[in-house]
Amino acid sequence: MDNNLFTGKIGRGLQSLRSLIMLDISNNNLSGVIPSWFDQLQDLHSLQISNNLLEGEVPISLFNMSSLQLLALSANSLSGDLPQAISGYGALKVLLLRDNNLSGVIPDTLLGKNIIVLDLRNNRLSGNIPEFINTQYIRILLLRGNNLTGSIPRRLCAVRSIHLLDLANNKLNGSIPSCLRNASLGLGRGGYIRRLFIIITFFLWEHLYDAYRGGNLKLLFGLDLSKNELSGEIPIEFGDLRKLHALNLSHNNLSGVIPESFSGLKNVESLDLSFNRLQGQIPPQLTELSNLEVFNVSYNNFSGVIPQGKQFNSFDMRSYIGNPLLCGQPTDIRCIGNTFQEADYGVEAVENTIDMVSFYWSFVAAYITILLGLLASLSFDSPWSRVWFYIVDALVHKVRKLLW
């Protein structure tokens, strides 16, 4: 019943469907609150009510349903706090609550023992990222677009099988924990869980997730810490994230250089380090990243020669703008050796300007000299002066005939 024009409240007629396994009434115009009687549908495995006009709080009873594995309530106007003390969150594997008005802190019990995907993007959640008690099966953790503060908890380093970690657009500070390299950010093992995850990943990529733009990423494994207040250097250990496909550290206060260890990111397809305070040269080893499709280091303090070759020949000026000390293609600044020659261009331009000014003054002086000589010669009674005055008189007579 999804993608229709249903309006009004969710009808009680559904309450009698006790053997219902899946209910999808998303993408309608349903209003009111989420009924509390949903917990009576004990065989329900999937409940999807996203993209409606629902409001009020999320019933606590939904989190304890014995069979419910997928709960999708995204893109409504739900408010209130997330449940604080729920025992294991039932059988839930996928919890999608993005684009609502949920507030308060994130409970440290929210990652139940079965949770694989948790999407809380674009709410009004605050406080620190909790030291989640259970992180055994989490594969996708999306917390972007809230008001989360504090540092990135080291507990997240223990999440060995996570595939996508998105903490972007919050108010996180401190340095980036180097131990995040312990997170595999790649394919994990496990039969049923792995198959289920692949299906969920495709579902999220096609219908929900829009964090990465600019390229067709083949897989979704990524780390997004952009638009925070993170500082310090980029951990060298990030080069060990061999299965990473997207890394976004843009819009922070990161300093230092790009680690040469980034040459180990053989699967990376999108690398965004823009709007930081990074400096030094762009490591030429990055040209070995053959899968790289999106590259952005704009608005930093990089200097030296821009690496060339392979896929780097396809990146335009937008990848490097805001780094005035870079030289080489695609910029207009010529490199000589390993340095840029912007200053030489300025000297050459000044010299050319001086030569042109001298030429103009010489030309004007010569013109004035010739004109004065001509006037002097005409002031005497000579054949040339009589011819000149005859020509002028004839010209004046002709103009007079044209005007009158």
Protein backbone atom coordinates (compact mmCIF):
# COMPACT_ATOMS: atom_id res chain seq x y z
CA MET A 1 0.00 0.00 0.00
CA ASP A 2 3.00 2.27 -0.31
CA ASN A 3 3.25 5.14 -2.80
CA ASN A 4 -0.41 6.06 -2.81
CA LEU A 5 -2.40 9.10 -1.70
CA PHE A 6 -3.85 7.69 1.51
CA THR A 7 -4.78 10.36 4.05
CA GLY A 8 -6.09 10.44 7.59
CA LYS A 9 -5.06 8.26 10.50
CA ILE A 10 -3.86 4.67 10.38
CA GLY A 11 -7.06 2.62 10.56
CA ARG A 12 -7.83 0.14 13.32
CA GLY A 13 -8.87 -2.39 10.69
CA LEU A 14 -5.23 -3.46 10.44
CA GLN A 15 -5.37 -4.52 14.08
CA SER A 16 -7.32 -7.64 13.20
CA LEU A 17 -4.65 -8.90 10.77
CA ARG A 18 -2.89 -10.92 13.45
CA SER A 19 -0.96 -13.07 10.93
CA LEU A 20 0.42 -10.09 9.02
CA ILE A 21 4.15 -10.48 8.32
CA MET A 22 4.97 -7.28 6.44
CA LEU A 23 3.20 -3.89 6.36
CA ASP A 24 4.40 -1.10 4.07
CA ILE A 25 2.29 2.07 4.06
CA SER A 26 5.16 4.46 3.40
CA ASN A 27 5.05 7.38 0.94
CA ASN A 28 1.49 8.47 1.65
CA ASN A 29 -0.11 11.40 3.48
CA LEU A 30 -1.06 9.60 6.67
CA SER A 31 -1.30 11.79 9.76
CA GLY A 32 -1.87 11.44 13.49
CA VAL A 33 0.20 9.29 15.82
CA ILE A 34 1.59 5.78 15.49
CA PRO A 35 -1.00 3.41 17.02
CA SER A 36 0.02 1.62 20.19
CA TRP A 37 -1.74 -1.56 19.10
CA PHE A 38 0.93 -2.46 16.53
CA ASP A 39 2.58 -4.60 19.21
CA GLN A 40 -0.39 -6.95 19.00
CA LEU A 41 0.72 -8.03 15.51
CA GLN A 42 3.13 -10.58 16.94
CA ASP A 43 4.05 -12.12 13.56
CA LEU A 44 5.03 -8.78 12.01
CA HIS A 45 8.59 -8.85 10.65
CA SER A 46 8.69 -5.56 8.74
CA LEU A 47 6.89 -2.27 9.48
CA GLN A 48 7.49 0.63 7.09
CA ILE A 49 5.66 3.94 7.61
CA SER A 50 8.29 6.35 6.26
CA ASN A 51 7.51 9.53 4.33
CA ASN A 52 4.17 10.41 5.88
CA LEU A 53 2.88 13.17 8.18
CA LEU A 54 2.95 11.26 11.44
CA GLU A 55 3.72 13.07 14.68
CA GLY A 56 4.06 12.39 18.37
CA GLU A 57 6.43 9.97 20.05
CA VAL A 58 7.55 6.54 18.89
CA PRO A 59 5.68 3.92 20.97
CA ILE A 60 8.10 2.08 23.23
CA SER A 61 6.19 -1.14 22.60
CA LEU A 62 7.47 -1.27 19.00
CA PHE A 63 11.00 -1.91 20.22
CA ASN A 64 10.04 -5.02 22.15
CA MET A 65 8.05 -6.85 19.48
CA SER A 66 9.37 -10.39 19.38
CA SER A 67 9.36 -10.79 15.58
CA LEU A 68 9.87 -7.25 14.24
CA GLN A 69 13.19 -7.04 12.38
CA LEU A 70 12.78 -3.89 10.27
CA LEU A 71 11.24 -0.66 11.59
CA ALA A 72 11.24 2.28 9.16
CA LEU A 73 9.70 5.53 10.45
CA SER A 74 11.88 8.02 8.55
CA ALA A 75 10.74 11.37 7.13
CA ASN A 76 7.82 12.11 9.43
CA SER A 77 7.41 14.68 12.20
CA LEU A 78 8.03 12.36 15.12
CA SER A 79 9.33 13.99 18.29
CA GLY A 80 10.36 13.18 21.82
CA ASP A 81 13.26 11.18 23.21
CA LEU A 82 14.47 7.78 22.16
CA PRO A 83 13.58 4.99 24.60
CA GLN A 84 16.20 4.77 27.34
CA ALA A 85 15.73 1.34 28.90
CA ILE A 86 14.68 -1.29 26.42
CA SER A 87 15.74 -4.88 26.97
CA GLY A 88 17.69 -5.86 23.89
CA TYR A 89 15.36 -4.05 21.49
CA GLY A 90 13.63 -7.32 20.63
CA ALA A 91 14.58 -8.85 17.31
CA LEU A 92 15.23 -5.53 15.55
CA LYS A 93 17.96 -5.65 12.91
CA VAL A 94 17.19 -2.43 11.00
CA LEU A 95 16.03 0.80 12.68
CA LEU A 96 15.45 3.78 10.37
CA LEU A 97 14.41 7.05 12.06
CA ARG A 98 16.06 9.72 9.90
CA ASP A 99 14.52 13.13 9.11
CA ASN A 100 12.31 13.56 12.17
CA ASN A 101 12.36 15.88 15.19
CA LEU A 102 13.69 13.40 17.72
CA SER A 103 15.59 15.03 20.57
CA GLY A 104 17.50 14.14 23.71
CA VAL A 105 20.51 11.89 23.96
CA ILE A 106 21.20 8.59 22.22
CA PRO A 107 20.80 5.74 24.73
CA ASP A 108 23.87 3.54 25.12
CA THR A 109 21.53 0.53 24.94
CA LEU A 110 20.21 1.52 21.52
CA LEU A 111 22.54 -0.83 19.68
CA GLY A 112 20.81 -4.01 20.71
CA LYS A 113 22.45 -7.35 20.24
CA ASN A 114 20.83 -7.80 16.81
CA ILE A 115 21.01 -4.28 15.31
CA ILE A 116 22.72 -4.24 11.90
CA VAL A 117 21.63 -0.83 10.58
CA LEU A 118 20.91 2.27 12.70
CA ASP A 119 19.92 5.46 10.88
CA LEU A 120 19.28 8.53 13.05
CA ARG A 121 20.33 11.19 10.53
CA ASN A 122 18.89 14.70 10.51
CA ASN A 123 17.19 14.87 13.88
CA ARG A 124 17.84 17.10 16.90
CA LEU A 125 19.73 14.63 19.02
CA SER A 126 22.32 16.08 21.38
CA GLY A 127 24.97 15.06 23.87
CA ASN A 128 27.91 12.77 23.29
CA ILE A 129 28.03 9.72 21.07
CA PRO A 130 27.42 6.99 23.64
CA GLU A 131 29.78 4.17 24.51
CA PHE A 132 27.45 1.63 22.95
CA ILE A 133 27.16 -1.50 25.03
CA ASN A 134 26.55 -3.81 22.10
CA THR A 135 28.45 -3.36 18.84
CA GLN A 136 28.80 -6.94 17.74
CA TYR A 137 26.70 -6.90 14.57
CA ILE A 138 26.38 -3.22 13.62
CA ARG A 139 27.25 -2.72 9.94
CA ILE A 140 25.86 0.76 9.17
CA LEU A 141 25.79 3.57 11.75
CA LEU A 142 24.43 6.91 10.48
CA LEU A 143 24.33 9.83 12.92
CA ARG A 144 24.87 12.79 10.57
CA GLY A 145 23.00 16.07 10.89
CA ASN A 146 22.37 16.24 14.63
CA ASN A 147 23.80 18.34 17.48
CA LEU A 148 26.18 15.73 18.85
CA THR A 149 29.17 17.09 20.78
CA GLY A 150 32.31 15.81 22.42
CA SER A 151 34.93 13.56 20.90
CA ILE A 152 34.62 10.41 18.83
CA PRO A 153 34.41 7.57 21.40
CA ARG A 154 37.17 4.99 21.22
CA ARG A 155 34.52 2.35 21.74
CA LEU A 156 33.72 2.70 18.03
CA CYS A 157 37.19 1.32 17.29
CA ALA A 158 35.94 -2.02 18.58
CA VAL A 159 33.29 -2.22 15.87
CA ARG A 160 35.19 -4.68 13.73
CA SER A 161 32.65 -5.30 10.98
CA ILE A 162 31.18 -1.86 10.31
CA HIS A 163 30.77 -0.89 6.66
CA LEU A 164 29.59 2.70 6.83
CA LEU A 165 30.19 5.15 9.66
CA ASP A 166 28.68 8.62 9.12
CA LEU A 167 29.13 11.19 11.89
CA ALA A 168 29.12 14.22 9.59
CA ASN A 169 27.52 17.61 10.22
CA ASN A 170 27.60 17.57 14.01
CA LYS A 171 29.70 19.49 16.54
CA LEU A 172 32.26 16.83 17.32
CA ASN A 173 35.71 18.01 18.37
CA GLY A 174 39.08 16.65 19.36
CA SER A 175 41.32 14.52 17.20
CA ILE A 176 40.38 11.55 15.05
CA PRO A 177 41.18 8.31 16.92
CA SER A 178 43.88 6.42 15.08
CA CYS A 179 42.37 3.19 16.36
CA LEU A 180 39.53 3.57 13.86
CA ARG A 181 41.77 1.59 11.55
CA ASN A 182 40.68 -1.44 13.59
CA ALA A 183 37.20 -1.04 12.13
CA SER A 184 37.26 -3.20 9.04
CA LEU A 185 35.03 -0.91 6.94
CA GLY A 186 34.74 -3.78 4.52
CA LEU A 187 33.07 -7.10 3.94
CA GLY A 188 32.63 -9.16 7.04
CA ARG A 189 31.91 -12.82 7.40
CA GLY A 190 28.80 -14.68 8.30
CA GLY A 191 26.29 -16.45 6.12
CA TYR A 192 22.78 -15.19 6.78
CA ILE A 193 23.87 -11.86 8.25
CA ARG A 194 26.13 -11.13 5.30
CA ARG A 195 23.40 -11.91 2.77
CA LEU A 196 20.93 -9.78 4.68
CA PHE A 197 23.44 -6.95 4.85
CA ILE A 198 24.02 -6.95 1.09
CA ILE A 199 20.27 -6.58 0.54
CA ILE A 200 20.04 -3.78 3.10
CA THR A 201 23.05 -1.98 1.62
CA PHE A 202 21.46 -1.97 -1.80
CA PHE A 203 18.19 -0.74 -0.29
CA LEU A 204 19.92 2.12 1.51
CA TRP A 205 22.00 3.12 -1.49
CA GLU A 206 19.11 3.16 -3.92
CA HIS A 207 16.46 4.76 -1.72
CA LEU A 208 17.86 6.39 1.38
CA TYR A 209 21.45 7.39 1.35
CA ASP A 210 22.77 10.55 -0.32
CA ALA A 211 25.98 11.42 1.51
CA TYR A 212 28.38 10.87 -1.36
CA ARG A 213 28.01 12.87 -4.57
CA GLY A 214 30.03 13.19 -7.71
CA GLY A 215 30.65 9.58 -8.67
CA ASN A 216 28.99 6.22 -8.98
CA LEU A 217 30.48 4.40 -6.03
CA LYS A 218 30.57 0.69 -6.64
CA LEU A 219 30.17 -0.15 -2.96
CA LEU A 220 29.03 1.76 0.07
CA PHE A 221 31.83 1.12 2.53
CA GLY A 222 32.88 4.52 3.82
CA LEU A 223 33.79 6.85 6.65
CA ASP A 224 32.29 10.35 6.80
CA LEU A 225 33.42 12.74 9.55
CA SER A 226 32.85 15.95 7.58
CA LYS A 227 31.38 19.23 8.88
CA ASN A 228 32.52 18.90 12.46
CA GLU A 229 35.14 20.68 14.57
CA LEU A 230 37.78 17.95 14.48
CA SER A 231 41.40 19.04 14.81
CA GLY A 232 44.89 17.57 14.77
CA GLU A 233 46.50 15.50 12.06
CA ILE A 234 45.01 12.78 9.90
CA PRO A 235 46.05 9.46 11.48
CA ILE A 236 48.69 7.64 9.46
CA GLU A 237 46.87 4.44 10.36
CA PHE A 238 43.98 5.36 8.05
CA GLY A 239 46.13 4.02 5.24
CA ASP A 240 45.43 0.56 6.63
CA LEU A 241 41.72 0.81 5.74
CA ARG A 242 42.26 -1.30 2.64
CA LYS A 243 38.59 -1.91 1.93
CA LEU A 244 37.51 1.71 2.28
CA HIS A 245 35.63 3.07 -0.75
CA ALA A 246 34.79 6.59 0.45
CA LEU A 247 36.55 8.88 2.93
CA ASN A 248 35.19 12.35 3.71
CA LEU A 249 37.05 14.52 6.25
CA SER A 250 36.08 17.88 4.74
CA HIS A 251 35.02 21.04 6.63
CA ASN A 252 37.04 20.49 9.81
CA ASN A 253 40.16 22.04 11.34
CA LEU A 254 42.57 19.25 10.43
CA SER A 255 46.22 20.22 10.02
CA GLY A 256 49.46 18.58 8.95
CA VAL A 257 49.99 16.70 5.71
CA ILE A 258 48.25 13.99 3.73
CA PRO A 259 49.81 10.76 5.00
CA GLU A 260 51.79 8.90 2.34
CA SER A 261 50.15 5.79 3.75
CA PHE A 262 47.01 6.84 1.85
CA SER A 263 48.58 5.10 -1.12
CA GLY A 264 47.38 1.93 0.57
CA LEU A 265 43.72 2.86 0.05
CA LYS A 266 43.57 0.75 -3.09
CA ASN A 267 39.77 0.57 -3.20
CA VAL A 268 38.98 4.20 -2.41
CA GLU A 269 36.72 5.85 -5.00
CA SER A 270 35.95 9.15 -3.25
CA LEU A 271 38.47 11.16 -1.18
CA ASP A 272 37.40 14.57 0.14
CA LEU A 273 39.81 16.56 2.34
CA SER A 274 38.57 20.03 1.38
CA PHE A 275 38.13 23.01 3.73
CA ASN A 276 40.77 22.15 6.30
CA ARG A 277 44.22 23.53 7.18
CA LEU A 278 46.29 20.80 5.57
CA GLN A 279 49.64 21.74 4.07
CA GLY A 280 52.69 20.38 2.30
CA GLN A 281 52.71 18.59 -1.01
CA ILE A 282 50.04 16.30 -2.40
CA PRO A 283 51.76 12.89 -2.24
CA PRO A 284 52.54 11.66 -5.77
CA GLN A 285 51.85 8.13 -4.51
CA LEU A 286 48.13 8.95 -4.71
CA THR A 287 48.31 8.49 -8.48
CA GLU A 288 48.48 4.76 -7.75
CA LEU A 289 44.87 4.84 -6.48
CA SER A 290 43.45 3.48 -9.70
CA ASN A 291 39.83 3.42 -8.48
CA LEU A 292 39.76 7.08 -7.42
CA GLU A 293 36.90 8.92 -9.17
CA VAL A 294 36.24 11.86 -6.83
CA PHE A 295 39.17 13.86 -5.40
CA ASN A 296 38.85 17.18 -3.56
CA VAL A 297 41.59 19.01 -1.62
CA SER A 298 40.30 22.53 -2.25
CA TYR A 299 40.70 25.35 0.29
CA ASN A 300 43.73 24.14 2.21
CA ASN A 301 47.36 25.30 2.25
CA PHE A 302 48.91 22.79 -0.12
CA SER A 303 51.98 23.75 -2.14
CA GLY A 304 54.24 22.34 -4.82
CA VAL A 305 53.54 20.33 -7.94
CA ILE A 306 50.14 18.74 -8.52
CA PRO A 307 50.65 15.02 -9.24
CA GLN A 308 49.97 14.00 -12.83
CA GLY A 309 49.23 10.74 -14.53
CA LYS A 310 46.49 8.13 -14.67
CA GLN A 311 43.17 9.26 -13.18
CA PHE A 312 44.72 12.50 -11.84
CA ASN A 313 44.68 13.83 -15.40
CA SER A 314 40.88 13.86 -15.23
CA PHE A 315 40.55 16.10 -12.13
CA ASP A 316 39.81 19.74 -12.97
CA MET A 317 40.55 23.00 -11.15
CA ARG A 318 37.64 22.48 -8.75
CA SER A 319 39.65 19.79 -7.00
CA TYR A 320 42.46 22.24 -6.13
CA ILE A 321 40.94 25.74 -5.89
CA GLY A 322 41.90 27.75 -2.80
CA ASN A 323 45.52 26.50 -2.71
CA PRO A 324 47.47 29.43 -4.24
CA LEU A 325 50.86 27.74 -3.81
CA LEU A 326 50.03 24.75 -6.03
CA CYS A 327 51.42 24.69 -9.55
CA GLY A 328 51.05 22.61 -12.68
CA GLN A 329 47.99 21.34 -14.48
CA PRO A 330 45.10 22.05 -14.21
CA THR A 331 46.18 25.43 -12.74
CA ASP A 332 47.65 28.27 -14.84
CA ILE A 333 50.78 28.48 -12.68
CA ARG A 334 53.90 27.07 -14.31
CA CYS A 335 56.24 24.83 -12.34
CA ILE A 336 60.02 24.95 -12.68
CA GLY A 337 61.62 22.04 -10.92
CA ASN A 338 59.58 21.44 -7.81
CA THR A 339 58.58 25.06 -7.25
CA PHE A 340 56.00 27.35 -8.72
CA GLN A 341 56.96 30.48 -10.65
CA GLU A 342 54.13 32.87 -9.96
CA ALA A 343 56.59 35.56 -8.78
CA ASP A 344 58.60 35.30 -12.04
CA TYR A 345 55.44 35.83 -14.01
CA GLY A 346 54.87 39.02 -12.03
CA VAL A 347 58.39 40.33 -12.72
CA GLU A 348 58.05 39.52 -16.39
CA ALA A 349 54.70 41.29 -16.54
CA VAL A 350 56.17 44.36 -14.81
CA GLU A 351 59.09 44.43 -17.24
CA ASN A 352 56.73 44.17 -20.19
CA THR A 353 54.61 46.96 -18.74
CA ILE A 354 57.66 49.20 -18.36
CA ASP A 355 58.72 48.55 -21.97
CA MET A 356 55.27 49.43 -23.30
CA VAL A 357 55.13 52.66 -21.28
CA SER A 358 58.51 53.71 -22.66
CA PHE A 359 57.29 52.96 -26.17
CA TYR A 360 54.14 55.05 -25.74
CA TRP A 361 56.06 58.06 -24.39
CA SER A 362 58.60 57.83 -27.21
CA PHE A 363 55.81 57.71 -29.77
CA VAL A 364 54.04 60.75 -28.27
CA ALA A 365 57.29 62.75 -28.15
CA ALA A 366 58.06 61.98 -31.81
CA TYR A 367 54.52 62.92 -32.85
CA ILE A 368 54.70 66.27 -31.03
CA THR A 369 58.11 67.03 -32.57
CA ILE A 370 56.84 66.37 -36.11
CA LEU A 371 53.69 68.43 -35.51
CA LEU A 372 55.68 71.40 -34.19
CA GLY A 373 58.03 71.20 -37.15
CA LEU A 374 55.08 71.17 -39.56
CA LEU A 375 53.48 74.21 -37.92
CA ALA A 376 56.78 76.07 -37.95
CA SER A 377 57.24 75.46 -41.67
CA LEU A 378 53.72 76.68 -42.44
CA SER A 379 54.31 79.94 -40.61
CA PHE A 380 56.66 81.08 -43.37
CA ASP A 381 55.58 82.23 -46.86
CA SER A 382 56.63 79.32 -49.04
CA PRO A 383 55.13 77.15 -51.83
CA TRP A 384 54.38 74.43 -49.27
CA SER A 385 52.46 76.79 -47.02
CA ARG A 386 50.42 78.13 -49.95
CA VAL A 387 49.53 74.56 -51.05
CA TRP A 388 48.56 73.62 -47.48
CA PHE A 389 46.27 76.62 -47.04
CA TYR A 390 44.70 75.93 -50.47
CA ILE A 391 43.86 72.37 -49.43
CA VAL A 392 42.37 73.54 -46.13
CA ASP A 393 40.28 76.23 -47.90
CA ALA A 394 38.96 73.71 -50.44
CA LEU A 395 38.06 71.27 -47.66
CA VAL A 396 36.15 73.95 -45.72
CA HIS A 397 34.27 74.98 -48.88
CA LYS A 398 33.25 71.35 -49.55
CA VAL A 399 32.01 70.83 -46.01
CA ARG A 400 29.97 74.01 -46.24
CA LYS A 401 28.22 72.74 -49.40
CA LEU A 402 27.34 69.47 -47.65
CA LEU A 403 25.84 71.26 -44.66
CA TRP A 404 23.85 73.88 -46.44
